[in-house]
């Protein structure tokens, strides 16, 4: 279970959260595509600005059902990045 158990139901709610929080309040993002237990996943890195080092923030796992995203689970412990062989900064 992710450490912050927030629930959003439906495309509009997820989009509203994404715009209000990570896309607006967080300064700069970078990412690497990966997999977790055969599911698509994204390793997100957060930086203070575009030219700053970007440090591990979350591994976000997508559950896909019938070619659509059915669930999004974000694991925000930077220690997880080493298990995936991901760099400790971008």
C-alpha atoms as a PDB file:
ATOM      1  CA  UNK A   1       0.000   0.000   0.000  1.00  0.00           C
ATOM      2  CA  UNK A   2       1.453   3.398  -0.849  1.00  0.00           C
ATOM      3  CA  UNK A   3       2.192   5.597   2.163  1.00  0.00           C
ATOM      4  CA  UNK A   4      -0.414   8.214   1.189  1.00  0.00           C
ATOM      5  CA  UNK A   5      -3.647   6.327   0.449  1.00  0.00           C
ATOM      6  CA  UNK A   6      -5.565   8.876  -1.623  1.00  0.00           C
ATOM      7  CA  UNK A   7      -8.393   7.758  -3.867  1.00  0.00           C
ATOM      8  CA  UNK A   8      -9.562   9.480  -7.017  1.00  0.00           C
ATOM      9  CA  UNK A   9     -12.333   8.013  -9.118  1.00  0.00           C
ATOM     10  CA  UNK A  10     -12.716   8.802 -12.782  1.00  0.00           C
ATOM     11  CA  UNK A  11     -10.740  10.625 -15.415  1.00  0.00           C
ATOM     12  CA  UNK A  12     -11.861  14.108 -14.348  1.00  0.00           C
ATOM     13  CA  UNK A  13     -10.792  13.576 -10.710  1.00  0.00           C
ATOM     14  CA  UNK A  14      -7.384  12.197 -11.691  1.00  0.00           C
ATOM     15  CA  UNK A  15      -6.799  15.005 -14.174  1.00  0.00           C
ATOM     16  CA  UNK A  16      -7.820  17.641 -11.607  1.00  0.00           C
ATOM     17  CA  UNK A  17      -5.378  16.183  -9.054  1.00  0.00           C
ATOM     18  CA  UNK A  18      -2.552  16.042 -11.620  1.00  0.00           C
ATOM     19  CA  UNK A  19      -3.053  19.662 -12.647  1.00  0.00           C
ATOM     20  CA  UNK A  20      -3.526  20.977  -9.092  1.00  0.00           C
ATOM     21  CA  UNK A  21      -0.605  19.175  -7.437  1.00  0.00           C
ATOM     22  CA  UNK A  22       2.293  17.682  -9.417  1.00  0.00           C
ATOM     23  CA  UNK A  23       1.921  19.719 -12.599  1.00  0.00           C
ATOM     24  CA  UNK A  24       1.438  23.025 -10.762  1.00  0.00           C
ATOM     25  CA  UNK A  25       3.110  22.891  -7.353  1.00  0.00           C
ATOM     26  CA  UNK A  26       6.163  20.801  -8.166  1.00  0.00           C
ATOM     27  CA  UNK A  27       8.989  22.698  -9.855  1.00  0.00           C
ATOM     28  CA  UNK A  28      10.530  20.251 -12.344  1.00  0.00           C
ATOM     29  CA  UNK A  29       9.962  16.595 -13.262  1.00  0.00           C
ATOM     30  CA  UNK A  30      11.912  13.993 -15.192  1.00  0.00           C
ATOM     31  CA  UNK A  31      11.006  10.360 -15.661  1.00  0.00           C
ATOM     32  CA  UNK A  32      12.124   6.948 -16.858  1.00  0.00           C
ATOM     33  CA  UNK A  33       9.758   4.262 -18.101  1.00  0.00           C
ATOM     34  CA  UNK A  34      10.117   0.888 -16.381  1.00  0.00           C
ATOM     35  CA  UNK A  35       8.029  -2.098 -15.299  1.00  0.00           C
ATOM     36  CA  UNK A  36       6.972  -3.496 -11.923  1.00  0.00           C
ATOM     37  CA  UNK A  37       5.734  -7.080 -11.648  1.00  0.00           C
ATOM     38  CA  UNK A  38       5.130  -7.092 -15.424  1.00  0.00           C
ATOM     39  CA  UNK A  39       3.016  -3.923 -15.222  1.00  0.00           C
ATOM     40  CA  UNK A  40       3.986  -0.630 -16.859  1.00  0.00           C
ATOM     41  CA  UNK A  41       5.538   1.824 -14.432  1.00  0.00           C
ATOM     42  CA  UNK A  42       7.178   5.237 -14.411  1.00  0.00           C
ATOM     43  CA  UNK A  43      10.067   6.320 -12.186  1.00  0.00           C
ATOM     44  CA  UNK A  44       9.585  10.007 -11.406  1.00  0.00           C
ATOM     45  CA  UNK A  45      12.392  12.326 -10.362  1.00  0.00           C
ATOM     46  CA  UNK A  46      11.835  15.782  -8.865  1.00  0.00           C
ATOM     47  CA  UNK A  47      14.191  18.765  -9.125  1.00  0.00           C
ATOM     48  CA  UNK A  48      14.144  22.272  -7.652  1.00  0.00           C
ATOM     49  CA  UNK A  49      14.322  23.685 -11.189  1.00  0.00           C
ATOM     50  CA  UNK A  50      14.932  22.372 -14.700  1.00  0.00           C
ATOM     51  CA  UNK A  51      18.740  22.607 -14.460  1.00  0.00           C
ATOM     52  CA  UNK A  52      19.005  21.148 -10.930  1.00  0.00           C
ATOM     53  CA  UNK A  53      19.704  17.512 -10.122  1.00  0.00           C
ATOM     54  CA  UNK A  54      16.475  15.520 -10.138  1.00  0.00           C
ATOM     55  CA  UNK A  55      16.197  13.082  -7.234  1.00  0.00           C
ATOM     56  CA  UNK A  56      13.988   9.981  -6.915  1.00  0.00           C
ATOM     57  CA  UNK A  57      10.420  10.817  -5.993  1.00  0.00           C
ATOM     58  CA  UNK A  58       8.149   7.884  -6.834  1.00  0.00           C
ATOM     59  CA  UNK A  59       7.735   4.711  -8.766  1.00  0.00           C
ATOM     60  CA  UNK A  60       4.246   4.863 -10.187  1.00  0.00           C
ATOM     61  CA  UNK A  61       2.702   1.579 -11.280  1.00  0.00           C
ATOM     62  CA  UNK A  62      -0.115   1.532 -13.831  1.00  0.00           C
ATOM     63  CA  UNK A  63      -2.685  -1.237 -13.824  1.00  0.00           C
ATOM     64  CA  UNK A  64      -4.024  -1.598 -17.362  1.00  0.00           C
ATOM     65  CA  UNK A  65      -7.339  -3.325 -18.097  1.00  0.00           C
ATOM     66  CA  UNK A  66      -8.718  -3.552 -21.624  1.00  0.00           C
ATOM     67  CA  UNK A  67      -6.168  -1.012 -22.947  1.00  0.00           C
ATOM     68  CA  UNK A  68      -7.101   1.599 -20.312  1.00  0.00           C
ATOM     69  CA  UNK A  69      -5.473   2.664 -17.073  1.00  0.00           C
ATOM     70  CA  UNK A  70      -7.605   1.147 -14.311  1.00  0.00           C
ATOM     71  CA  UNK A  71      -5.395   2.067 -11.337  1.00  0.00           C
ATOM     72  CA  UNK A  72      -2.381   4.216 -10.527  1.00  0.00           C
ATOM     73  CA  UNK A  73      -0.294   3.386  -7.443  1.00  0.00           C
ATOM     74  CA  UNK A  74       2.604   5.654  -6.504  1.00  0.00           C
ATOM     75  CA  UNK A  75       5.302   4.353  -4.165  1.00  0.00           C
ATOM     76  CA  UNK A  76       7.180   7.359  -2.802  1.00  0.00           C
ATOM     77  CA  UNK A  77      10.095   5.721  -0.989  1.00  0.00           C
ATOM     78  CA  UNK A  78      13.306   6.624  -2.870  1.00  0.00           C
ATOM     79  CA  UNK A  79      14.862   3.362  -1.614  1.00  0.00           C
ATOM     80  CA  UNK A  80      12.726   1.486  -4.167  1.00  0.00           C
ATOM     81  CA  UNK A  81      14.747   2.934  -7.055  1.00  0.00           C
ATOM     82  CA  UNK A  82      17.759   0.735  -6.270  1.00  0.00           C
ATOM     83  CA  UNK A  83      15.620  -2.432  -6.525  1.00  0.00           C
ATOM     84  CA  UNK A  84      14.780  -1.457 -10.097  1.00  0.00           C
ATOM     85  CA  UNK A  85      18.410  -0.679 -11.001  1.00  0.00           C
ATOM     86  CA  UNK A  86      17.450   2.971 -11.573  1.00  0.00           C
ATOM     87  CA  UNK A  87      19.891   5.869 -11.194  1.00  0.00           C
ATOM     88  CA  UNK A  88      19.904   7.815  -7.938  1.00  0.00           C
ATOM     89  CA  UNK A  89      19.558  11.099  -9.833  1.00  0.00           C
ATOM     90  CA  UNK A  90      18.955  12.458 -13.323  1.00  0.00           C
END
